[in-house]
Structures are given as structure tokens and as C-alpha cells.
Amino acid sequence: MKKLTVFLAMVFSFVFCLSCLVSISYAQSKEDAVKMVNDAINYIKTNGKEKAYKDITDGKVLKKGDLYVFALTSDYYIVAHGANPKLLGKPMEKLKDSNGKFFFKEMVDKALKNGEGWTDYTWTNPVTKKIEPKTTYTKKLDDKTVVGCGIYKK
């Protein structure tokens, strides 16, 4: 009986530690988001928009846990999205978060005006499937496109 108790305690400890490691692996930082956007811009410039957008949307590149990239046009249409391909070609200018904020419009406008920027809003986390607070970094790719990557605030 004592051996069984010790064994179960070890199994519980292992599962608990493993779940902590999985949580940590999904916890991203602002620096991770900036790096992902810069990597995406380099990937797009190297491979061309058509191939890069397809690879991003297919999840073949630039995706790690709840970290993914997306690209928006200056008229607020999604041209690549690493977590939700159903958004491709959709107009996002009038999309509001759960607090009524036009966050996609803000992202695009900030990046096109200032070259880059951060936007706070709420969004569905593709890993947890829950609406969570998020901040997204967007950067100007060219005069008509911005690339973004956000992190969920833990």
C-alpha cells in the first residue's frame, strides 16, 4: 500500500510539473511578438507575398503555441492569418472586441502612421478557446500592408 501511495504521488508530481512546463512554453513576451513580426517581414520579403501568406495561413511557418502572425492591408482586409484561415479576405475595419474597440483599425492605422505600434484588446486564444486580454505589435511592411503578432496577457 505504501509503495502504491508513493507511486501515485510521483505520478501526480510528474503530471503537475509537465502541465507547468506546457504553460510556460505558451507564455510569450512582447520581445517574442516583435521577433516574430520581424521574422515574418523577412520571410515575406524573401519568399514573396503570395507564398509567404499561404505558408503563414497554413501554419507551416511562424507559429508557436498561442503565438502566430497575420497580415492586414491598408483597407483592413486580412491577407494572412496563422491561427484562423477563415478570416482571409474579410474586412476587419468595423470588427470590435468584447469591449467595443475597433482594434484591427487601430492596429493598421498605428503601424502605417508610425511604422509600428502596440494595441490592447480582447480576442479568442486559439489554445484555450477563451476570450482573453491581448496586446498586439504591428509593423509596416509597405505602404499598403502591416504585419502583426500578439501575446495574451497572463
Protein backbone atom coordinates (compact mmCIF):
# COMPACT_ATOMS: atom_id res chain seq x y z
CA MET A 1 0.00 0.00 0.00
CA LYS A 2 2.84 2.38 0.89
CA LYS A 3 4.53 1.70 -2.49
CA LEU A 4 1.27 2.47 -4.30
CA THR A 5 0.90 5.77 -2.41
CA VAL A 6 4.47 6.76 -3.23
CA PHE A 7 3.97 5.76 -6.87
CA LEU A 8 0.75 7.79 -7.16
CA ALA A 9 2.42 10.79 -5.53
CA MET A 10 5.26 10.56 -8.05
CA VAL A 11 2.81 10.31 -10.96
CA PHE A 12 0.84 13.31 -9.67
CA SER A 13 4.05 15.34 -9.26
CA PHE A 14 5.19 14.43 -12.76
CA VAL A 15 1.85 15.40 -14.33
CA PHE A 16 1.77 18.66 -12.34
CA CYS A 17 5.33 19.59 -13.42
CA LEU A 18 4.58 18.67 -17.02
CA SER A 19 1.49 20.91 -17.04
CA CYS A 20 3.60 23.76 -15.65
CA LEU A 21 6.15 23.30 -18.42
CA VAL A 22 3.42 23.33 -21.07
CA SER A 23 2.02 26.56 -19.60
CA ILE A 24 5.44 28.15 -19.59
CA SER A 25 6.07 27.14 -23.19
CA TYR A 26 2.96 29.08 -24.26
CA ALA A 27 3.71 32.16 -22.17
CA GLN A 28 5.15 34.63 -24.65
CA SER A 29 6.70 38.06 -24.18
CA LYS A 30 6.50 41.33 -26.09
CA GLU A 31 10.02 40.61 -27.35
CA ASP A 32 8.77 37.29 -28.80
CA ALA A 33 6.00 39.12 -30.68
CA VAL A 34 8.40 41.73 -32.08
CA LYS A 35 10.82 38.99 -33.17
CA MET A 36 8.01 37.03 -34.81
CA VAL A 37 6.87 40.12 -36.77
CA ASN A 38 10.42 40.88 -37.89
CA ASP A 39 10.91 37.24 -38.89
CA ALA A 40 7.62 37.36 -40.82
CA ILE A 41 8.62 40.52 -42.67
CA ASN A 42 11.93 38.92 -43.63
CA TYR A 43 10.12 35.75 -44.71
CA ILE A 44 7.67 37.75 -46.85
CA LYS A 45 10.45 39.78 -48.48
CA THR A 46 12.48 36.63 -49.18
CA ASN A 47 9.67 34.39 -50.45
CA GLY A 48 7.20 36.90 -51.91
CA LYS A 49 3.78 37.79 -50.57
CA GLU A 50 1.79 35.03 -52.26
CA LYS A 51 3.91 32.13 -50.97
CA ALA A 52 4.57 33.70 -47.57
CA TYR A 53 0.91 34.49 -46.90
CA LYS A 54 -0.07 30.94 -47.85
CA ASP A 55 2.64 29.42 -45.63
CA ILE A 56 1.65 31.67 -42.71
CA THR A 57 -2.04 30.84 -43.09
CA ASP A 58 -1.33 27.12 -43.47
CA GLY A 59 0.59 27.24 -40.18
CA LYS A 60 3.77 25.99 -41.87
CA VAL A 61 5.87 28.87 -40.58
CA LEU A 62 5.92 31.46 -37.81
CA LYS A 63 3.63 29.75 -35.33
CA LYS A 64 4.49 28.64 -31.80
CA GLY A 65 1.87 27.83 -29.16
CA ASP A 66 -0.50 30.79 -28.98
CA LEU A 67 1.96 32.95 -30.93
CA TYR A 68 1.16 33.48 -34.62
CA VAL A 69 1.43 36.21 -37.23
CA PHE A 70 -1.10 37.84 -39.52
CA ALA A 71 -1.07 40.48 -42.25
CA LEU A 72 -3.61 43.20 -42.99
CA THR A 73 -3.99 45.59 -45.89
CA SER A 74 -4.31 49.34 -45.52
CA ASP A 75 -8.04 48.93 -46.18
CA TYR A 76 -8.27 46.49 -43.25
CA TYR A 77 -8.55 43.13 -45.04
CA ILE A 78 -6.81 40.03 -43.69
CA VAL A 79 -4.38 38.59 -46.27
CA ALA A 80 -2.69 36.05 -43.94
CA HIS A 81 -3.62 34.66 -40.55
CA GLY A 82 -1.67 31.94 -38.75
CA ALA A 83 -4.47 30.92 -36.39
CA ASN A 84 -7.72 31.38 -38.30
CA PRO A 85 -7.75 30.92 -42.10
CA LYS A 86 -11.50 31.69 -42.11
CA LEU A 87 -10.57 35.37 -41.66
CA LEU A 88 -8.80 35.57 -45.05
CA GLY A 89 -10.30 38.23 -47.28
CA LYS A 90 -12.56 39.51 -44.51
CA PRO A 91 -12.91 43.25 -43.87
CA MET A 92 -11.82 43.95 -40.29
CA GLU A 93 -12.22 47.72 -40.03
CA LYS A 94 -15.55 47.51 -38.20
CA LEU A 95 -14.78 44.46 -36.07
CA LYS A 96 -15.00 45.25 -32.37
CA ASP A 97 -13.62 43.33 -29.43
CA SER A 98 -15.80 42.43 -26.44
CA ASN A 99 -15.28 45.96 -25.08
CA GLY A 100 -16.43 47.71 -28.26
CA LYS A 101 -12.95 48.65 -29.51
CA PHE A 102 -12.20 48.76 -33.26
CA PHE A 103 -8.87 47.07 -32.65
CA PHE A 104 -7.93 45.99 -36.19
CA LYS A 105 -8.45 49.53 -37.43
CA GLU A 106 -6.25 50.83 -34.62
CA MET A 107 -3.52 48.28 -35.40
CA VAL A 108 -3.34 49.17 -39.08
CA ASP A 109 -3.58 52.92 -38.55
CA LYS A 110 -0.82 52.95 -35.90
CA ALA A 111 1.59 50.89 -37.98
CA LEU A 112 1.01 52.83 -41.20
CA LYS A 113 1.31 56.21 -39.44
CA ASN A 114 4.18 55.47 -37.04
CA GLY A 115 5.89 52.49 -38.70
CA GLU A 116 4.92 50.26 -35.76
CA GLY A 117 2.76 50.17 -32.65
CA TRP A 118 1.06 48.20 -29.87
CA THR A 119 -2.72 47.74 -29.50
CA ASP A 120 -4.54 46.34 -26.44
CA TYR A 121 -7.85 44.46 -26.86
CA THR A 122 -9.56 41.14 -26.13
CA TRP A 123 -9.52 38.15 -28.51
CA THR A 124 -10.14 34.40 -28.52
CA ASN A 125 -6.99 32.49 -27.61
CA PRO A 126 -6.57 29.64 -30.14
CA VAL A 127 -5.04 27.41 -27.46
CA THR A 128 -7.52 27.95 -24.59
CA LYS A 129 -10.52 28.88 -26.80
CA LYS A 130 -11.36 31.63 -24.27
CA ILE A 131 -11.63 35.39 -24.78
CA GLU A 132 -8.57 36.88 -23.10
CA PRO A 133 -6.81 40.25 -22.87
CA LYS A 134 -4.22 40.60 -25.60
CA THR A 135 -1.69 43.14 -26.86
CA THR A 136 -0.51 43.07 -30.46
CA TYR A 137 2.53 44.54 -32.13
CA THR A 138 2.07 45.64 -35.74
CA LYS A 139 4.72 46.86 -38.12
CA LYS A 140 4.52 48.42 -41.55
CA LEU A 141 5.63 46.04 -44.31
CA ASP A 142 4.98 48.55 -47.11
CA ASP A 143 2.58 51.43 -47.81
CA LYS A 144 -0.36 49.03 -48.10
CA THR A 145 0.38 46.22 -45.65
CA VAL A 146 1.10 45.68 -41.95
CA VAL A 147 2.22 42.51 -40.19
CA GLY A 148 1.25 41.72 -36.63
CA CYS A 149 1.73 39.31 -33.77
CA GLY A 150 0.13 39.45 -30.34
CA ILE A 151 0.57 37.99 -26.93
CA TYR A 152 -2.09 37.03 -24.46
CA LYS A 153 -1.69 38.77 -21.12
CA LYS A 154 -1.25 36.08 -18.47
